[in-house]
Amino acid sequence: MAFAGTNISLSQPDITQKLTERIDDLKQKIAAWGKRIRRFTERSRRFNQNRLFQSDQKRLYKSLERPEVSGAGPGPDQANTVAFWRGLWSEPVNHSEGPWTEVVASQCASITPMDPLYFDS
């Protein structure tokens, strides 16, 4: 048996179909677990907010005003970030244009441009 836990062996003629079906099943299971975790997280958050509302409304409203901090640790250094992007954007890049771009350009050459629209405010 080539794949443990399945009835799939490499000698079967319809192996790609069975593999595709198995992959789809696993993707569906992963999506279902993700939704289940998301539902649990939302329910837990609502439960804690309701309990906090009953016990200490002032603390609840303060916690709602503060944005939740996501991410771990401090952000990147501004100087390093600027240097990184400046290095990328300042260098000219020669893209290899395919022959299809010339075909599209020649087809679009006969199109007349639209007159500009003016809006009075």
PDB file of N, CA and C in Angstrom:
ATOM      1  N   MET A   1       0.841  -1.164   0.000  1.00  0.00           N
ATOM      2  CA  MET A   1       0.000   0.000   0.000  1.00  0.00           C
ATOM      3  C   MET A   1       0.896   1.239   0.000  1.00  0.00           C
ATOM      4  N   ALA A   2       0.701   2.109  -0.971  1.00  0.00           N
ATOM      5  CA  ALA A   2       1.582   3.253  -1.147  1.00  0.00           C
ATOM      6  C   ALA A   2       1.286   4.379  -0.162  1.00  0.00           C
ATOM      7  N   PHE A   3       0.033   4.604   0.155  1.00  0.00           N
ATOM      8  CA  PHE A   3      -0.342   5.698   1.038  1.00  0.00           C
ATOM      9  C   PHE A   3      -0.990   5.123   2.279  1.00  0.00           C
ATOM     10  N   ALA A   4      -0.344   5.311   3.411  1.00  0.00           N
ATOM     11  CA  ALA A   4      -0.830   4.728   4.657  1.00  0.00           C
ATOM     12  C   ALA A   4      -2.188   5.316   5.020  1.00  0.00           C
ATOM     13  N   GLY A   5      -3.079   4.465   5.462  1.00  0.00           N
ATOM     14  CA  GLY A   5      -4.397   4.911   5.882  1.00  0.00           C
ATOM     15  C   GLY A   5      -5.392   5.045   4.755  1.00  0.00           C
ATOM     16  N   THR A   6      -5.018   4.659   3.548  1.00  0.00           N
ATOM     17  CA  THR A   6      -5.936   4.751   2.412  1.00  0.00           C
ATOM     18  C   THR A   6      -5.914   3.433   1.662  1.00  0.00           C
ATOM     19  N   ASN A   7      -6.856   3.261   0.779  1.00  0.00           N
ATOM     20  CA  ASN A   7      -6.886   2.077  -0.085  1.00  0.00           C
ATOM     21  C   ASN A   7      -6.325   2.422  -1.458  1.00  0.00           C
ATOM     22  N   ILE A   8      -5.254   3.175  -1.485  1.00  0.00           N
ATOM     23  CA  ILE A   8      -4.671   3.621  -2.747  1.00  0.00           C
ATOM     24  C   ILE A   8      -3.318   2.951  -2.934  1.00  0.00           C
ATOM     25  N   SER A   9      -3.152   2.313  -4.061  1.00  0.00           N
ATOM     26  CA  SER A   9      -1.844   1.774  -4.413  1.00  0.00           C
ATOM     27  C   SER A   9      -1.468   2.322  -5.782  1.00  0.00           C
ATOM     28  N   LEU A  10      -0.196   2.419  -6.044  1.00  0.00           N
ATOM     29  CA  LEU A  10       0.266   3.025  -7.286  1.00  0.00           C
ATOM     30  C   LEU A  10      -0.030   2.177  -8.515  1.00  0.00           C
ATOM     31  N   SER A  11      -0.402   0.922  -8.327  1.00  0.00           N
ATOM     32  CA  SER A  11      -0.675   0.062  -9.475  1.00  0.00           C
ATOM     33  C   SER A  11      -2.092   0.235 -10.007  1.00  0.00           C
ATOM     34  N   GLN A  12      -2.927   0.988  -9.328  1.00  0.00           N
ATOM     35  CA  GLN A  12      -4.298   1.184  -9.790  1.00  0.00           C
ATOM     36  C   GLN A  12      -4.317   2.174 -10.951  1.00  0.00           C
ATOM     37  N   PRO A  13      -5.172   1.923 -11.976  1.00  0.00           N
ATOM     38  CA  PRO A  13      -5.173   2.787 -13.157  1.00  0.00           C
ATOM     39  C   PRO A  13      -5.766   4.178 -12.902  1.00  0.00           C
ATOM     40  N   ASP A  14      -6.696   4.306 -11.979  1.00  0.00           N
ATOM     41  CA  ASP A  14      -7.335   5.599 -11.745  1.00  0.00           C
ATOM     42  C   ASP A  14      -6.754   6.304 -10.517  1.00  0.00           C
ATOM     43  N   ILE A  15      -5.436   6.238 -10.406  1.00  0.00           N
ATOM     44  CA  ILE A  15      -4.752   6.779  -9.232  1.00  0.00           C
ATOM     45  C   ILE A  15      -4.916   8.288  -9.131  1.00  0.00           C
ATOM     46  N   THR A  16      -4.849   9.015 -10.254  1.00  0.00           N
ATOM     47  CA  THR A  16      -4.950  10.475 -10.185  1.00  0.00           C
ATOM     48  C   THR A  16      -6.330  10.907  -9.708  1.00  0.00           C
ATOM     49  N   GLN A  17      -7.360  10.208 -10.135  1.00  0.00           N
ATOM     50  CA  GLN A  17      -8.708  10.552  -9.686  1.00  0.00           C
ATOM     51  C   GLN A  17      -8.848  10.312  -8.187  1.00  0.00           C
ATOM     52  N   LYS A  18      -8.337   9.184  -7.717  1.00  0.00           N
ATOM     53  CA  LYS A  18      -8.434   8.880  -6.291  1.00  0.00           C
ATOM     54  C   LYS A  18      -7.609   9.857  -5.461  1.00  0.00           C
ATOM     55  N   LEU A  19      -6.432  10.216  -5.970  1.00  0.00           N
ATOM     56  CA  LEU A  19      -5.613  11.190  -5.255  1.00  0.00           C
ATOM     57  C   LEU A  19      -6.302  12.552  -5.205  1.00  0.00           C
ATOM     58  N   THR A  20      -6.894  12.954  -6.320  1.00  0.00           N
ATOM     59  CA  THR A  20      -7.606  14.224  -6.358  1.00  0.00           C
ATOM     60  C   THR A  20      -8.766  14.227  -5.371  1.00  0.00           C
ATOM     61  N   GLU A  21      -9.512  13.123  -5.339  1.00  0.00           N
ATOM     62  CA  GLU A  21     -10.628  13.029  -4.400  1.00  0.00           C
ATOM     63  C   GLU A  21     -10.137  13.068  -2.957  1.00  0.00           C
ATOM     64  N   ARG A  22      -9.047  12.382  -2.682  1.00  0.00           N
ATOM     65  CA  ARG A  22      -8.504  12.357  -1.319  1.00  0.00           C
ATOM     66  C   ARG A  22      -8.012  13.746  -0.904  1.00  0.00           C
ATOM     67  N   ILE A  23      -7.352  14.432  -1.837  1.00  0.00           N
ATOM     68  CA  ILE A  23      -6.887  15.788  -1.552  1.00  0.00           C
ATOM     69  C   ILE A  23      -8.073  16.704  -1.285  1.00  0.00           C
ATOM     70  N   ASP A  24      -9.128  16.581  -2.093  1.00  0.00           N
ATOM     71  CA  ASP A  24     -10.319  17.398  -1.880  1.00  0.00           C
ATOM     72  C   ASP A  24     -10.953  17.107  -0.525  1.00  0.00           C
ATOM     73  N   ASP A  25     -11.022  15.832  -0.154  1.00  0.00           N
ATOM     74  CA  ASP A  25     -11.574  15.471   1.159  1.00  0.00           C
ATOM     75  C   ASP A  25     -10.764  16.105   2.283  1.00  0.00           C
ATOM     76  N   LEU A  26      -9.439  16.031   2.169  1.00  0.00           N
ATOM     77  CA  LEU A  26      -8.591  16.608   3.211  1.00  0.00           C
ATOM     78  C   LEU A  26      -8.726  18.128   3.272  1.00  0.00           C
ATOM     79  N   LYS A  27      -8.843  18.777   2.106  1.00  0.00           N
ATOM     80  CA  LYS A  27      -9.030  20.226   2.092  1.00  0.00           C
ATOM     81  C   LYS A  27     -10.348  20.605   2.760  1.00  0.00           C
ATOM     82  N   GLN A  28     -11.399  19.816   2.508  1.00  0.00           N
ATOM     83  CA  GLN A  28     -12.688  20.082   3.136  1.00  0.00           C
ATOM     84  C   GLN A  28     -12.612  19.896   4.644  1.00  0.00           C
ATOM     85  N   LYS A  29     -11.876  18.873   5.088  1.00  0.00           N
ATOM     86  CA  LYS A  29     -11.728  18.656   6.527  1.00  0.00           C
ATOM     87  C   LYS A  29     -10.975  19.813   7.176  1.00  0.00           C
ATOM     88  N   ILE A  30      -9.930  20.283   6.502  1.00  0.00           N
ATOM     89  CA  ILE A  30      -9.160  21.413   7.034  1.00  0.00           C
ATOM     90  C   ILE A  30     -10.039  22.658   7.118  1.00  0.00           C
ATOM     91  N   ALA A  31     -10.831  22.905   6.068  1.00  0.00           N
ATOM     92  CA  ALA A  31     -11.717  24.067   6.077  1.00  0.00           C
ATOM     93  C   ALA A  31     -12.753  23.952   7.188  1.00  0.00           C
ATOM     94  N   ALA A  32     -13.286  22.742   7.396  1.00  0.00           N
ATOM     95  CA  ALA A  32     -14.277  22.542   8.456  1.00  0.00           C
ATOM     96  C   ALA A  32     -13.665  22.791   9.830  1.00  0.00           C
ATOM     97  N   TRP A  33     -12.454  22.300  10.049  1.00  0.00           N
ATOM     98  CA  TRP A  33     -11.785  22.536  11.332  1.00  0.00           C
ATOM     99  C   TRP A  33     -11.497  24.017  11.532  1.00  0.00           C
ATOM    100  N   GLY A  34     -11.094  24.696  10.466  1.00  0.00           N
ATOM    101  CA  GLY A  34     -10.848  26.136  10.564  1.00  0.00           C
ATOM    102  C   GLY A  34     -12.106  26.898  10.947  1.00  0.00           C
ATOM    103  N   LYS A  35     -13.233  26.536  10.328  1.00  0.00           N
ATOM    104  CA  LYS A  35     -14.497  27.194  10.664  1.00  0.00           C
ATOM    105  C   LYS A  35     -14.913  26.877  12.092  1.00  0.00           C
ATOM    106  N   ARG A  36     -14.666  25.654  12.511  1.00  0.00           N
ATOM    107  CA  ARG A  36     -15.007  25.261  13.878  1.00  0.00           C
ATOM    108  C   ARG A  36     -14.184  26.063  14.893  1.00  0.00           C
ATOM    109  N   ILE A  37     -12.901  26.211  14.626  1.00  0.00           N
ATOM    110  CA  ILE A  37     -12.038  26.991  15.513  1.00  0.00           C
ATOM    111  C   ILE A  37     -12.478  28.453  15.522  1.00  0.00           C
ATOM    112  N   ARG A  38     -12.820  28.993  14.349  1.00  0.00           N
ATOM    113  CA  ARG A  38     -13.269  30.378  14.259  1.00  0.00           C
ATOM    114  C   ARG A  38     -14.562  30.588  15.046  1.00  0.00           C
ATOM    115  N   ARG A  39     -15.507  29.638  14.914  1.00  0.00           N
ATOM    116  CA  ARG A  39     -16.754  29.737  15.680  1.00  0.00           C
ATOM    117  C   ARG A  39     -16.482  29.706  17.173  1.00  0.00           C
ATOM    118  N   PHE A  40     -15.590  28.800  17.605  1.00  0.00           N
ATOM    119  CA  PHE A  40     -15.263  28.701  19.021  1.00  0.00           C
ATOM    120  C   PHE A  40     -14.634  29.994  19.526  1.00  0.00           C
ATOM    121  N   THR A  41     -13.721  30.558  18.740  1.00  0.00           N
ATOM    122  CA  THR A  41     -13.048  31.789  19.148  1.00  0.00           C
ATOM    123  C   THR A  41     -14.048  32.934  19.284  1.00  0.00           C
ATOM    124  N   GLU A  42     -14.934  33.066  18.303  1.00  0.00           N
ATOM    125  CA  GLU A  42     -15.944  34.121  18.356  1.00  0.00           C
ATOM    126  C   GLU A  42     -16.884  33.926  19.541  1.00  0.00           C
ATOM    127  N   ARG A  43     -17.310  32.689  19.781  1.00  0.00           N
ATOM    128  CA  ARG A  43     -18.210  32.407  20.890  1.00  0.00           C
ATOM    129  C   ARG A  43     -17.533  32.710  22.216  1.00  0.00           C
ATOM    130  N   SER A  44     -16.272  32.340  22.334  1.00  0.00           N
ATOM    131  CA  SER A  44     -15.526  32.597  23.557  1.00  0.00           C
ATOM    132  C   SER A  44     -15.372  34.100  23.790  1.00  0.00           C
ATOM    133  N   ARG A  45     -15.095  34.847  22.731  1.00  0.00           N
ATOM    134  CA  ARG A  45     -14.957  36.298  22.844  1.00  0.00           C
ATOM    135  C   ARG A  45     -16.282  36.930  23.284  1.00  0.00           C
ATOM    136  N   ARG A  46     -17.395  36.511  22.665  1.00  0.00           N
ATOM    137  CA  ARG A  46     -18.705  37.038  23.053  1.00  0.00           C
ATOM    138  C   ARG A  46     -19.039  36.689  24.498  1.00  0.00           C
ATOM    139  N   PHE A  47     -18.753  35.450  24.893  1.00  0.00           N
ATOM    140  CA  PHE A  47     -19.032  35.010  26.260  1.00  0.00           C
ATOM    141  C   PHE A  47     -18.263  35.860  27.262  1.00  0.00           C
ATOM    142  N   ASN A  48     -16.976  36.083  26.996  1.00  0.00           N
ATOM    143  CA  ASN A  48     -16.157  36.886  27.909  1.00  0.00           C
ATOM    144  C   ASN A  48     -16.633  38.337  27.960  1.00  0.00           C
ATOM    145  N   GLN A  49     -17.046  38.883  26.808  1.00  0.00           N
ATOM    146  CA  GLN A  49     -17.554  40.251  26.801  1.00  0.00           C
ATOM    147  C   GLN A  49     -18.867  40.354  27.571  1.00  0.00           C
ATOM    148  N   ASN A  50     -19.747  39.370  27.414  1.00  0.00           N
ATOM    149  CA  ASN A  50     -21.010  39.379  28.156  1.00  0.00           C
ATOM    150  C   ASN A  50     -20.765  39.291  29.656  1.00  0.00           C
ATOM    151  N   ARG A  51     -19.852  38.418  30.048  1.00  0.00           N
ATOM    152  CA  ARG A  51     -19.544  38.266  31.466  1.00  0.00           C
ATOM    153  C   ARG A  51     -18.932  39.552  32.024  1.00  0.00           C
ATOM    154  N   LEU A  52     -18.048  40.174  31.245  1.00  0.00           N
ATOM    155  CA  LEU A  52     -17.433  41.422  31.678  1.00  0.00           C
ATOM    156  C   LEU A  52     -18.469  42.543  31.745  1.00  0.00           C
ATOM    157  N   PHE A  53     -19.428  42.548  30.825  1.00  0.00           N
ATOM    158  CA  PHE A  53     -20.493  43.553  30.847  1.00  0.00           C
ATOM    159  C   PHE A  53     -21.313  43.441  32.126  1.00  0.00           C
ATOM    160  N   GLN A  54     -21.576  42.211  32.553  1.00  0.00           N
ATOM    161  CA  GLN A  54     -22.370  42.009  33.770  1.00  0.00           C
ATOM    162  C   GLN A  54     -21.588  42.370  35.025  1.00  0.00           C
ATOM    163  N   SER A  55     -20.286  42.165  35.006  1.00  0.00           N
ATOM    164  CA  SER A  55     -19.507  42.390  36.222  1.00  0.00           C
ATOM    165  C   SER A  55     -18.875  43.783  36.278  1.00  0.00           C
ATOM    166  N   ASP A  56     -18.336  44.276  35.164  1.00  0.00           N
ATOM    167  CA  ASP A  56     -17.609  45.544  35.188  1.00  0.00           C
ATOM    168  C   ASP A  56     -17.713  46.211  33.813  1.00  0.00           C
ATOM    169  N   GLN A  57     -18.758  47.028  33.630  1.00  0.00           N
ATOM    170  CA  GLN A  57     -19.010  47.639  32.330  1.00  0.00           C
ATOM    171  C   GLN A  57     -17.906  48.620  31.939  1.00  0.00           C
ATOM    172  N   LYS A  58     -17.370  49.314  32.911  1.00  0.00           N
ATOM    173  CA  LYS A  58     -16.327  50.295  32.617  1.00  0.00           C
ATOM    174  C   LYS A  58     -15.115  49.624  31.983  1.00  0.00           C
ATOM    175  N   ARG A  59     -14.710  48.497  32.531  1.00  0.00           N
ATOM    176  CA  ARG A  59     -13.557  47.772  31.985  1.00  0.00           C
ATOM    177  C   ARG A  59     -13.858  47.217  30.593  1.00  0.00           C
ATOM    178  N   LEU A  60     -15.112  46.788  30.370  1.00  0.00           N
ATOM    179  CA  LEU A  60     -15.498  46.289  29.046  1.00  0.00           C
ATOM    180  C   LEU A  60     -15.358  47.387  28.000  1.00  0.00           C
ATOM    181  N   TYR A  61     -15.910  48.562  28.292  1.00  0.00           N
ATOM    182  CA  TYR A  61     -15.863  49.636  27.309  1.00  0.00           C
ATOM    183  C   TYR A  61     -14.436  50.121  27.071  1.00  0.00           C
ATOM    184  N   LYS A  62     -13.615  50.113  28.087  1.00  0.00           N
ATOM    185  CA  LYS A  62     -12.205  50.468  27.894  1.00  0.00           C
ATOM    186  C   LYS A  62     -11.509  49.448  26.997  1.00  0.00           C
ATOM    187  N   SER A  63     -11.830  48.169  27.187  1.00  0.00           N
ATOM    188  CA  SER A  63     -11.198  47.139  26.354  1.00  0.00           C
ATOM    189  C   SER A  63     -11.682  47.225  24.910  1.00  0.00           C
ATOM    190  N   LEU A  64     -12.929  47.679  24.712  1.00  0.00           N
ATOM    191  CA  LEU A  64     -13.436  47.822  23.347  1.00  0.00           C
ATOM    192  C   LEU A  64     -12.812  49.027  22.643  1.00  0.00           C
ATOM    193  N   GLU A  65     -12.446  50.056  23.415  1.00  0.00           N
ATOM    194  CA  GLU A  65     -11.835  51.238  22.816  1.00  0.00           C
ATOM    195  C   GLU A  65     -10.398  50.984  22.387  1.00  0.00           C
ATOM    196  N   ARG A  66      -9.695  50.155  23.124  1.00  0.00           N
ATOM    197  CA  ARG A  66      -8.300  49.857  22.791  1.00  0.00           C
ATOM    198  C   ARG A  66      -8.244  48.892  21.613  1.00  0.00           C
ATOM    199  N   PRO A  67      -7.473  49.198  20.591  1.00  0.00           N
ATOM    200  CA  PRO A  67      -7.348  48.233  19.488  1.00  0.00           C
ATOM    201  C   PRO A  67      -6.522  47.028  19.924  1.00  0.00           C
ATOM    202  N   GLU A  68      -6.890  45.885  19.391  1.00  0.00           N
ATOM    203  CA  GLU A  68      -6.135  44.675  19.700  1.00  0.00           C
ATOM    204  C   GLU A  68      -4.794  44.720  18.978  1.00  0.00           C
ATOM    205  N   VAL A  69      -3.757  44.387  19.685  1.00  0.00           N
ATOM    206  CA  VAL A  69      -2.416  44.402  19.118  1.00  0.00           C
ATOM    207  C   VAL A  69      -2.145  43.038  18.502  1.00  0.00           C
ATOM    208  N   SER A  70      -1.815  43.048  17.227  1.00  0.00           N
ATOM    209  CA  SER A  70      -1.477  41.788  16.571  1.00  0.00           C
ATOM    210  C   SER A  70      -0.009  41.833  16.175  1.00  0.00           C
ATOM    211  N   GLY A  71       0.594  40.687  16.132  1.00  0.00           N
ATOM    212  CA  GLY A  71       2.010  40.614  15.794  1.00  0.00           C
ATOM    213  C   GLY A  71       2.829  40.383  17.044  1.00  0.00           C
ATOM    214  N   ALA A  72       3.990  39.885  16.847  1.00  0.00           N
ATOM    215  CA  ALA A  72       4.856  39.582  17.986  1.00  0.00           C
ATOM    216  C   ALA A  72       6.113  40.420  17.885  1.00  0.00           C
ATOM    217  N   GLY A  73       6.296  41.299  18.818  1.00  0.00           N
ATOM    218  CA  GLY A  73       7.524  42.066  18.869  1.00  0.00           C
ATOM    219  C   GLY A  73       7.428  43.380  18.127  1.00  0.00           C
ATOM    220  N   PRO A  74       8.501  44.149  18.174  1.00  0.00           N
ATOM    221  CA  PRO A  74       8.509  45.459  17.522  1.00  0.00           C
ATOM    222  C   PRO A  74       8.578  45.321  16.003  1.00  0.00           C
ATOM    223  N   GLY A  75       8.158  46.387  15.328  1.00  0.00           N
ATOM    224  CA  GLY A  75       8.184  46.390  13.875  1.00  0.00           C
ATOM    225  C   GLY A  75       9.591  46.571  13.340  1.00  0.00           C
ATOM    226  N   PRO A  76       9.750  46.542  12.032  1.00  0.00           N
ATOM    227  CA  PRO A  76      11.084  46.699  11.449  1.00  0.00           C
ATOM    228  C   PRO A  76      11.583  48.132  11.600  1.00  0.00           C
ATOM    229  N   ASP A  77      12.876  48.273  11.559  1.00  0.00           N
ATOM    230  CA  ASP A  77      13.518  49.581  11.664  1.00  0.00           C
ATOM    231  C   ASP A  77      13.203  50.387  10.410  1.00  0.00           C
ATOM    232  N   GLN A  78      12.854  51.654  10.584  1.00  0.00           N
ATOM    233  CA  GLN A  78      12.457  52.483   9.453  1.00  0.00           C
ATOM    234  C   GLN A  78      13.604  52.674   8.460  1.00  0.00           C
ATOM    235  N   ALA A  79      14.806  52.865   8.944  1.00  0.00           N
ATOM    236  CA  ALA A  79      15.948  53.083   8.047  1.00  0.00           C
ATOM    237  C   ALA A  79      16.204  51.853   7.183  1.00  0.00           C
ATOM    238  N   ASN A  80      16.122  50.666   7.781  1.00  0.00           N
ATOM    239  CA  ASN A  80      16.325  49.440   7.007  1.00  0.00           C
ATOM    240  C   ASN A  80      15.224  49.249   5.975  1.00  0.00           C
ATOM    241  N   THR A  81      13.993  49.575   6.354  1.00  0.00           N
ATOM    242  CA  THR A  81      12.873  49.430   5.426  1.00  0.00           C
ATOM    243  C   THR A  81      13.023  50.373   4.244  1.00  0.00           C
ATOM    244  N   VAL A  82      13.353  51.618   4.525  1.00  0.00           N
ATOM    245  CA  VAL A  82      13.533  52.599   3.448  1.00  0.00           C
ATOM    246  C   VAL A  82      14.680  52.179   2.536  1.00  0.00           C
ATOM    247  N   ALA A  83      15.775  51.720   3.113  1.00  0.00           N
ATOM    248  CA  ALA A  83      16.921  51.288   2.302  1.00  0.00           C
ATOM    249  C   ALA A  83      16.553  50.089   1.436  1.00  0.00           C
ATOM    250  N   PHE A  84      15.784  49.166   1.976  1.00  0.00           N
ATOM    251  CA  PHE A  84      15.377  47.987   1.215  1.00  0.00           C
ATOM    252  C   PHE A  84      14.547  48.381  -0.001  1.00  0.00           C
ATOM    253  N   TRP A  85      13.494  49.195   0.211  1.00  0.00           N
ATOM    254  CA  TRP A  85      12.618  49.558  -0.901  1.00  0.00           C
ATOM    255  C   TRP A  85      13.309  50.510  -1.871  1.00  0.00           C
ATOM    256  N   ARG A  86      14.176  51.388  -1.373  1.00  0.00           N
ATOM    257  CA  ARG A  86      14.898  52.287  -2.270  1.00  0.00           C
ATOM    258  C   ARG A  86      15.802  51.478  -3.194  1.00  0.00           C
ATOM    259  N   GLY A  87      16.420  50.440  -2.661  1.00  0.00           N
ATOM    260  CA  GLY A  87      17.266  49.585  -3.484  1.00  0.00           C
ATOM    261  C   GLY A  87      16.477  48.862  -4.563  1.00  0.00           C
ATOM    262  N   LEU A  88      15.242  48.487  -4.253  1.00  0.00           N
ATOM    263  CA  LEU A  88      14.422  47.797  -5.253  1.00  0.00           C
ATOM    264  C   LEU A  88      13.912  48.744  -6.327  1.00  0.00           C
ATOM    265  N   TRP A  89      13.424  49.910  -5.924  1.00  0.00           N
ATOM    266  CA  TRP A  89      12.768  50.794  -6.870  1.00  0.00           C
ATOM    267  C   TRP A  89      13.734  51.679  -7.651  1.00  0.00           C
ATOM    268  N   SER A  90      14.953  51.880  -7.173  1.00  0.00           N
ATOM    269  CA  SER A  90      15.867  52.784  -7.867  1.00  0.00           C
ATOM    270  C   SER A  90      16.584  52.118  -9.034  1.00  0.00           C
ATOM    271  N   GLU A  91      16.657  50.801  -9.060  1.00  0.00           N
ATOM    272  CA  GLU A  91      17.354  50.112 -10.140  1.00  0.00           C
ATOM    273  C   GLU A  91      16.406  49.854 -11.308  1.00  0.00           C
ATOM    274  N   PRO A  92      16.834  50.210 -12.522  1.00  0.00           N
ATOM    275  CA  PRO A  92      15.970  49.924 -13.673  1.00  0.00           C
ATOM    276  C   PRO A  92      15.934  48.420 -13.953  1.00  0.00           C
ATOM    277  N   VAL A  93      14.781  47.971 -14.402  1.00  0.00           N
ATOM    278  CA  VAL A  93      14.600  46.547 -14.670  1.00  0.00           C
ATOM    279  C   VAL A  93      14.224  46.381 -16.132  1.00  0.00           C
ATOM    280  N   ASN A  94      14.876  45.475 -16.813  1.00  0.00           N
ATOM    281  CA  ASN A  94      14.540  45.157 -18.198  1.00  0.00           C
ATOM    282  C   ASN A  94      13.756  43.855 -18.210  1.00  0.00           C
ATOM    283  N   HIS A  95      12.465  43.982 -18.456  1.00  0.00           N
ATOM    284  CA  HIS A  95      11.620  42.795 -18.518  1.00  0.00           C
ATOM    285  C   HIS A  95      11.715  42.193 -19.911  1.00  0.00           C
ATOM    286  N   SER A  96      11.646  40.898 -19.984  1.00  0.00           N
ATOM    287  CA  SER A  96      11.641  40.244 -21.287  1.00  0.00           C
ATOM    288  C   SER A  96      10.204  40.256 -21.804  1.00  0.00           C
ATOM    289  N   GLU A  97       9.970  41.121 -22.778  1.00  0.00           N
ATOM    290  CA  GLU A  97       8.637  41.243 -23.357  1.00  0.00           C
ATOM    291  C   GLU A  97       8.459  40.159 -24.414  1.00  0.00           C
ATOM    292  N   GLY A  98       7.347  39.479 -24.344  1.00  0.00           N
ATOM    293  CA  GLY A  98       7.060  38.435 -25.314  1.00  0.00           C
ATOM    294  C   GLY A  98       6.536  39.028 -26.609  1.00  0.00           C
ATOM    295  N   PRO A  99       6.494  38.232 -27.681  1.00  0.00           N
ATOM    296  CA  PRO A  99       5.994  38.745 -28.961  1.00  0.00           C
ATOM    297  C   PRO A  99       4.504  39.070 -28.917  1.00  0.00           C
ATOM    298  N   TRP A 100       3.794  38.537 -27.955  1.00  0.00           N
ATOM    299  CA  TRP A 100       2.360  38.808 -27.872  1.00  0.00           C
ATOM    300  C   TRP A 100       2.074  40.268 -27.545  1.00  0.00           C
ATOM    301  N   THR A 101       3.015  40.955 -26.883  1.00  0.00           N
ATOM    302  CA  THR A 101       2.775  42.359 -26.549  1.00  0.00           C
ATOM    303  C   THR A 101       2.735  43.226 -27.800  1.00  0.00           C
ATOM    304  N   GLU A 102       3.552  42.889 -28.795  1.00  0.00           N
ATOM    305  CA  GLU A 102       3.538  43.637 -30.053  1.00  0.00           C
ATOM    306  C   GLU A 102       2.228  43.406 -30.794  1.00  0.00           C
ATOM    307  N   VAL A 103       1.715  42.187 -30.732  1.00  0.00           N
ATOM    308  CA  VAL A 103       0.441  41.878 -31.383  1.00  0.00           C
ATOM    309  C   VAL A 103      -0.677  42.682 -30.743  1.00  0.00           C
ATOM    310  N   VAL A 104      -0.702  42.720 -29.429  1.00  0.00           N
ATOM    311  CA  VAL A 104      -1.744  43.467 -28.719  1.00  0.00           C
ATOM    312  C   VAL A 104      -1.611  44.958 -29.003  1.00  0.00           C
ATOM    313  N   ALA A 105      -0.387  45.473 -29.013  1.00  0.00           N
ATOM    314  CA  ALA A 105      -0.177  46.896 -29.291  1.00  0.00           C
ATOM    315  C   ALA A 105      -0.648  47.253 -30.696  1.00  0.00           C
ATOM    316  N   SER A 106      -0.388  46.398 -31.677  1.00  0.00           N
ATOM    317  CA  SER A 106      -0.833  46.690 -33.043  1.00  0.00           C
ATOM    318  C   SER A 106      -2.351  46.608 -33.152  1.00  0.00           C
ATOM    319  N   GLN A 107      -2.977  45.715 -32.409  1.00  0.00           N
ATOM    320  CA  GLN A 107      -4.440  45.622 -32.432  1.00  0.00           C
ATOM    321  C   GLN A 107      -5.080  46.827 -31.749  1.00  0.00           C
ATOM    322  N   CYS A 108      -4.444  47.346 -30.732  1.00  0.00           N
ATOM    323  CA  CYS A 108      -5.004  48.480 -29.992  1.00  0.00           C
ATOM    324  C   CYS A 108      -4.697  49.814 -30.658  1.00  0.00           C
ATOM    325  N   ALA A 109      -3.797  49.839 -31.632  1.00  0.00           N
ATOM    326  CA  ALA A 109      -3.419  51.096 -32.282  1.00  0.00           C
ATOM    327  C   ALA A 109      -4.586  51.698 -33.050  1.00  0.00           C
ATOM    328  N   SER A 110      -5.488  50.879 -33.561  1.00  0.00           N
ATOM    329  CA  SER A 110      -6.606  51.390 -34.354  1.00  0.00           C
ATOM    330  C   SER A 110      -7.763  51.889 -33.491  1.00  0.00           C
ATOM    331  N   ILE A 111      -7.708  51.703 -32.200  1.00  0.00           N
ATOM    332  CA  ILE A 111      -8.779  52.149 -31.313  1.00  0.00           C
ATOM    333  C   ILE A 111      -8.612  53.638 -31.053  1.00  0.00           C
ATOM    334  N   THR A 112      -9.690  54.392 -31.286  1.00  0.00           N
ATOM    335  CA  THR A 112      -9.627  55.832 -31.032  1.00  0.00           C
ATOM    336  C   THR A 112      -9.875  56.084 -29.547  1.00  0.00           C
ATOM    337  N   PRO A 113      -9.097  56.973 -28.963  1.00  0.00           N
ATOM    338  CA  PRO A 113      -9.293  57.236 -27.532  1.00  0.00           C
ATOM    339  C   PRO A 113     -10.600  57.980 -27.278  1.00  0.00           C
ATOM    340  N   MET A 114     -11.148  57.771 -26.109  1.00  0.00           N
ATOM    341  CA  MET A 114     -12.403  58.396 -25.720  1.00  0.00           C
ATOM    342  C   MET A 114     -12.155  59.857 -25.351  1.00  0.00           C
ATOM    343  N   ASP A 115     -13.121  60.720 -25.661  1.00  0.00           N
ATOM    344  CA  ASP A 115     -13.008  62.125 -25.291  1.00  0.00           C
ATOM    345  C   ASP A 115     -13.012  62.243 -23.771  1.00  0.00           C
ATOM    346  N   PRO A 116     -12.274  63.206 -23.235  1.00  0.00           N
ATOM    347  CA  PRO A 116     -12.251  63.347 -21.774  1.00  0.00           C
ATOM    348  C   PRO A 116     -13.609  63.799 -21.243  1.00  0.00           C
ATOM    349  N   LEU A 117     -13.934  63.342 -20.053  1.00  0.00           N
ATOM    350  CA  LEU A 117     -15.190  63.708 -19.407  1.00  0.00           C
ATOM    351  C   LEU A 117     -14.921  64.803 -18.391  1.00  0.00           C
ATOM    352  N   TYR A 118     -15.780  65.808 -18.385  1.00  0.00           N
ATOM    353  CA  TYR A 118     -15.649  66.905 -17.435  1.00  0.00           C
ATOM    354  C   TYR A 118     -16.894  66.937 -16.567  1.00  0.00           C
ATOM    355  N   PHE A 119     -16.695  67.032 -15.283  1.00  0.00           N
ATOM    356  CA  PHE A 119     -17.801  67.066 -14.336  1.00  0.00           C
ATOM    357  C   PHE A 119     -17.807  68.413 -13.635  1.00  0.00           C
ATOM    358  N   ASP A 120     -18.968  69.037 -13.602  1.00  0.00           N
ATOM    359  CA  ASP A 120     -19.120  70.286 -12.862  1.00  0.00           C
ATOM    360  C   ASP A 120     -19.571  69.953 -11.453  1.00  0.00           C
ATOM    361  N   SER A 121     -18.893  70.522 -10.498  1.00  0.00           N
ATOM    362  CA  SER A 121     -19.292  70.237  -9.125  1.00  0.00           C
ATOM    363  C   SER A 121     -19.961  71.422  -8.490  1.00  0.00           C
TER     364      SER A 121
END
